[in-house]
Amino acid sequence: MIDLIWTLLDRAGEHATLLLVCIFLFAAIDAALGVGAILPGETGIVLAAMALADSPLHVALAVVAAATGAFLGDHIGFAVGRKLGPRLGETRLIKRLGQDRWMTARDFVARQFWVVIVARLMPGIRTLVAAAAGASTIRYRRFAAICAVAAVIWATLWVIGGATIGPVLLQIVGRYTIPSLLVAGAAVLAAIIVQRRRARVRS
């Protein structure tokens, strides 16, 4: 199984241009309003980065592609938030994603520059930060600056992490396949149990 993954990654690495386009799209779609909460783009970015790991130039271009995609994707959320304003919080989409996430995103937007950047990197609410910024009174220049810095940090973390740590983890899994699968299965099961218990408490 691991050998098959390595083979697929090697073959994918032969199509660097296509992978860079995919990374851009993964990042843009992930950053768009709420999409990243449902379909996280980090998985695709990490896999693509692993396939490009043999070329430092391609890895650097992948960071640029991911950052550009995230920057543009954030602008989609910002534009929607600016158009709908506070009404966005009452839409079906926000209710589906979670009012608590929306309120947290709004709280972060009202804080200092670096706090908003950190919020943009946090799973669960990061894809709502741009929309919350658009729905607030924040100036576009401030948002664009925050968005640019956060996009570069986010892209660098996931692309470089995927290109450097990803292959190492894959080698470890290859050596300890069965134990790794058991641990992963136990972790997933524990996460599901915890999530269901939290849902029961809230209800």
Protein backbone atom coordinates (compact mmCIF):
# COMPACT_ATOMS: atom_id res chain seq x y z
CA MET A 1 0.00 0.00 0.00
CA ILE A 2 2.76 2.44 0.96
CA ASP A 3 4.72 1.49 -2.17
CA LEU A 4 1.65 2.31 -4.24
CA ILE A 5 1.39 5.74 -2.61
CA TRP A 6 5.06 6.43 -3.34
CA THR A 7 4.55 5.38 -6.96
CA LEU A 8 1.53 7.66 -7.35
CA LEU A 9 3.42 10.58 -5.78
CA ASP A 10 6.39 10.02 -8.09
CA ARG A 11 4.15 9.99 -11.14
CA ALA A 12 2.26 13.06 -9.96
CA GLY A 13 5.56 14.85 -9.44
CA GLU A 14 6.18 14.58 -13.18
CA HIS A 15 3.30 17.00 -13.75
CA ALA A 16 4.50 19.93 -11.67
CA THR A 17 2.51 22.58 -13.54
CA LEU A 18 -0.75 20.72 -13.02
CA LEU A 19 0.04 20.21 -9.34
CA LEU A 20 0.74 23.92 -8.88
CA VAL A 21 -2.62 24.75 -10.46
CA CYS A 22 -4.30 22.23 -8.15
CA ILE A 23 -2.57 23.76 -5.12
CA PHE A 24 -3.84 27.18 -6.13
CA LEU A 25 -7.39 25.84 -6.51
CA PHE A 26 -7.24 23.87 -3.25
CA ALA A 27 -6.17 27.01 -1.38
CA ALA A 28 -8.72 29.28 -3.07
CA ILE A 29 -11.63 26.92 -2.51
CA ASP A 30 -10.52 26.22 1.06
CA ALA A 31 -10.42 29.93 1.88
CA ALA A 32 -13.78 30.72 0.27
CA LEU A 33 -16.70 31.37 2.58
CA GLY A 34 -17.11 28.35 4.84
CA VAL A 35 -15.90 25.81 2.28
CA GLY A 36 -12.74 25.00 4.23
CA ALA A 37 -14.81 23.97 7.23
CA ILE A 38 -16.47 21.27 5.11
CA LEU A 39 -13.73 20.36 2.63
CA PRO A 40 -10.32 21.25 4.09
CA GLY A 41 -7.84 22.00 1.33
CA GLU A 42 -4.79 21.24 3.43
CA THR A 43 -4.92 17.54 2.59
CA GLY A 44 -4.63 18.16 -1.13
CA ILE A 45 -1.92 20.76 -0.60
CA VAL A 46 0.16 18.43 1.58
CA LEU A 47 -0.09 15.57 -0.92
CA ALA A 48 0.84 17.85 -3.81
CA ALA A 49 3.76 19.25 -1.81
CA MET A 50 4.98 15.72 -1.12
CA ALA A 51 4.92 14.99 -4.84
CA LEU A 52 6.97 18.14 -5.51
CA ALA A 53 9.39 17.61 -2.62
CA ASP A 54 12.34 16.63 -4.84
CA SER A 55 12.48 20.11 -6.41
CA PRO A 56 13.14 23.12 -4.13
CA LEU A 57 12.01 25.41 -6.96
CA HIS A 58 8.67 23.64 -7.28
CA VAL A 59 8.19 23.72 -3.52
CA ALA A 60 8.82 27.48 -3.52
CA LEU A 61 6.36 27.93 -6.40
CA ALA A 62 3.87 25.80 -4.46
CA VAL A 63 4.09 28.24 -1.54
CA VAL A 64 3.39 31.11 -3.93
CA ALA A 65 0.47 29.24 -5.51
CA ALA A 66 -1.07 28.35 -2.15
CA ALA A 67 -0.63 31.86 -0.75
CA THR A 68 -2.12 33.46 -3.87
CA GLY A 69 -5.07 31.07 -3.84
CA ALA A 70 -5.72 31.69 -0.15
CA PHE A 71 -5.48 35.46 -0.65
CA LEU A 72 -8.00 35.43 -3.49
CA GLY A 73 -10.27 32.96 -1.70
CA ASP A 74 -10.38 35.21 1.34
CA HIS A 75 -11.59 38.03 -0.88
CA ILE A 76 -14.62 35.96 -1.86
CA GLY A 77 -15.67 35.71 1.76
CA PHE A 78 -14.88 39.37 2.36
CA ALA A 79 -16.97 40.44 -0.65
CA VAL A 80 -19.95 38.37 0.50
CA GLY A 81 -19.65 39.74 4.03
CA ARG A 82 -19.38 43.32 2.78
CA LYS A 83 -22.47 42.89 0.60
CA LEU A 84 -24.72 41.20 3.17
CA GLY A 85 -23.35 42.86 6.29
CA PRO A 86 -24.63 41.61 9.66
CA ARG A 87 -27.41 39.73 7.84
CA LEU A 88 -24.83 37.15 6.85
CA GLY A 89 -24.92 35.78 10.38
CA GLU A 90 -28.58 34.83 9.92
CA THR A 91 -28.14 32.92 6.67
CA ARG A 92 -28.57 29.16 6.37
CA LEU A 93 -24.93 28.73 5.51
CA ILE A 94 -23.72 30.30 8.75
CA LYS A 95 -26.31 28.42 10.77
CA ARG A 96 -25.12 25.19 9.18
CA LEU A 97 -21.46 25.96 9.84
CA GLY A 98 -22.27 26.98 13.40
CA GLN A 99 -23.29 30.24 15.03
CA ASP A 100 -20.60 29.74 17.67
CA ARG A 101 -17.90 29.69 14.99
CA TRP A 102 -19.36 32.81 13.42
CA MET A 103 -19.44 34.70 16.70
CA THR A 104 -15.87 33.63 17.47
CA ALA A 105 -14.72 34.85 14.05
CA ARG A 106 -16.44 38.20 14.63
CA ASP A 107 -14.81 38.55 18.03
CA PHE A 108 -11.37 37.92 16.56
CA VAL A 109 -11.90 40.45 13.77
CA ALA A 110 -12.55 43.17 16.34
CA ARG A 111 -9.16 42.62 17.99
CA GLN A 112 -5.60 43.58 17.19
CA PHE A 113 -3.81 42.92 13.90
CA TRP A 114 -1.77 39.91 15.01
CA VAL A 115 -4.77 38.32 16.75
CA VAL A 116 -6.71 38.35 13.49
CA ILE A 117 -3.76 36.72 11.72
CA VAL A 118 -3.71 33.93 14.31
CA ALA A 119 -7.48 33.50 13.92
CA ARG A 120 -7.01 33.10 10.17
CA LEU A 121 -4.81 30.08 10.89
CA MET A 122 -7.18 28.37 13.35
CA PRO A 123 -9.15 25.34 12.08
CA GLY A 124 -12.91 25.68 12.23
CA ILE A 125 -13.17 29.47 12.17
CA ARG A 126 -10.41 30.56 9.77
CA THR A 127 -12.64 30.31 6.70
CA LEU A 128 -15.19 32.59 8.37
CA VAL A 129 -12.74 35.31 9.39
CA ALA A 130 -12.73 36.95 5.95
CA ALA A 131 -16.54 37.01 5.80
CA ALA A 132 -16.72 38.36 9.34
CA ALA A 133 -14.25 41.07 8.36
CA GLY A 134 -16.41 41.99 5.39
CA ALA A 135 -19.52 42.16 7.55
CA SER A 136 -17.75 44.45 10.02
CA THR A 137 -16.55 48.02 9.63
CA ILE A 138 -12.93 47.02 9.07
CA ARG A 139 -11.25 48.93 6.26
CA TYR A 140 -10.25 47.02 3.15
CA ARG A 141 -6.58 48.03 3.42
CA ARG A 142 -6.37 46.56 6.90
CA PHE A 143 -8.10 43.38 5.77
CA ALA A 144 -5.86 43.02 2.72
CA ALA A 145 -2.73 43.39 4.86
CA ILE A 146 -3.97 40.81 7.37
CA CYS A 147 -5.03 38.50 4.57
CA ALA A 148 -1.66 38.73 2.81
CA VAL A 149 0.39 38.00 5.92
CA ALA A 150 -1.88 35.14 7.02
CA ALA A 151 -1.95 33.61 3.53
CA VAL A 152 1.84 33.53 3.32
CA ILE A 153 2.19 32.00 6.80
CA TRP A 154 -0.55 29.43 6.15
CA ALA A 155 0.85 28.44 2.76
CA THR A 156 4.40 28.17 4.06
CA LEU A 157 3.39 25.98 6.99
CA TRP A 158 1.39 23.49 4.94
CA VAL A 159 3.55 23.34 1.82
CA ILE A 160 6.92 23.18 3.59
CA GLY A 161 5.46 20.86 6.21
CA GLY A 162 4.06 18.57 3.53
CA ALA A 163 7.29 18.55 1.54
CA THR A 164 9.55 17.87 4.52
CA ILE A 165 7.55 16.05 7.17
CA GLY A 166 5.13 14.23 4.88
CA PRO A 167 7.67 11.82 3.35
CA VAL A 168 9.14 11.08 6.78
CA LEU A 169 5.73 10.20 8.19
CA LEU A 170 5.00 8.04 5.17
CA GLN A 171 8.23 6.11 5.78
CA ILE A 172 7.29 5.60 9.41
CA VAL A 173 3.86 4.34 8.44
CA GLY A 174 5.50 2.01 5.94
CA ARG A 175 7.62 0.45 8.66
CA TYR A 176 4.88 0.19 11.24
CA THR A 177 1.79 -0.13 9.08
CA ILE A 178 -0.43 -2.23 11.33
CA PRO A 179 0.38 -0.42 14.61
CA SER A 180 -0.01 2.92 12.85
CA LEU A 181 -3.41 1.97 11.49
CA LEU A 182 -4.52 0.77 14.91
CA VAL A 183 -3.41 4.01 16.55
CA ALA A 184 -5.05 6.09 13.83
CA GLY A 185 -8.27 4.10 14.11
CA ALA A 186 -8.31 4.51 17.89
CA ALA A 187 -7.73 8.25 17.54
CA VAL A 188 -10.57 8.63 15.04
CA LEU A 189 -12.91 6.58 17.22
CA ALA A 190 -12.02 8.66 20.28
CA ALA A 191 -12.63 11.88 18.34
CA ILE A 192 -16.06 10.66 17.20
CA ILE A 193 -17.04 9.69 20.75
CA VAL A 194 -15.92 13.06 22.14
CA GLN A 195 -17.77 14.94 19.41
CA ARG A 196 -21.00 13.03 20.03
CA ARG A 197 -20.77 13.63 23.77
CA ARG A 198 -20.28 17.35 23.20
CA ALA A 199 -23.27 17.39 20.85
CA ARG A 200 -25.42 15.70 23.51
CA VAL A 201 -24.32 18.21 26.14
CA ARG A 202 -25.17 21.14 23.86
CA SER A 203 -28.56 19.69 23.02
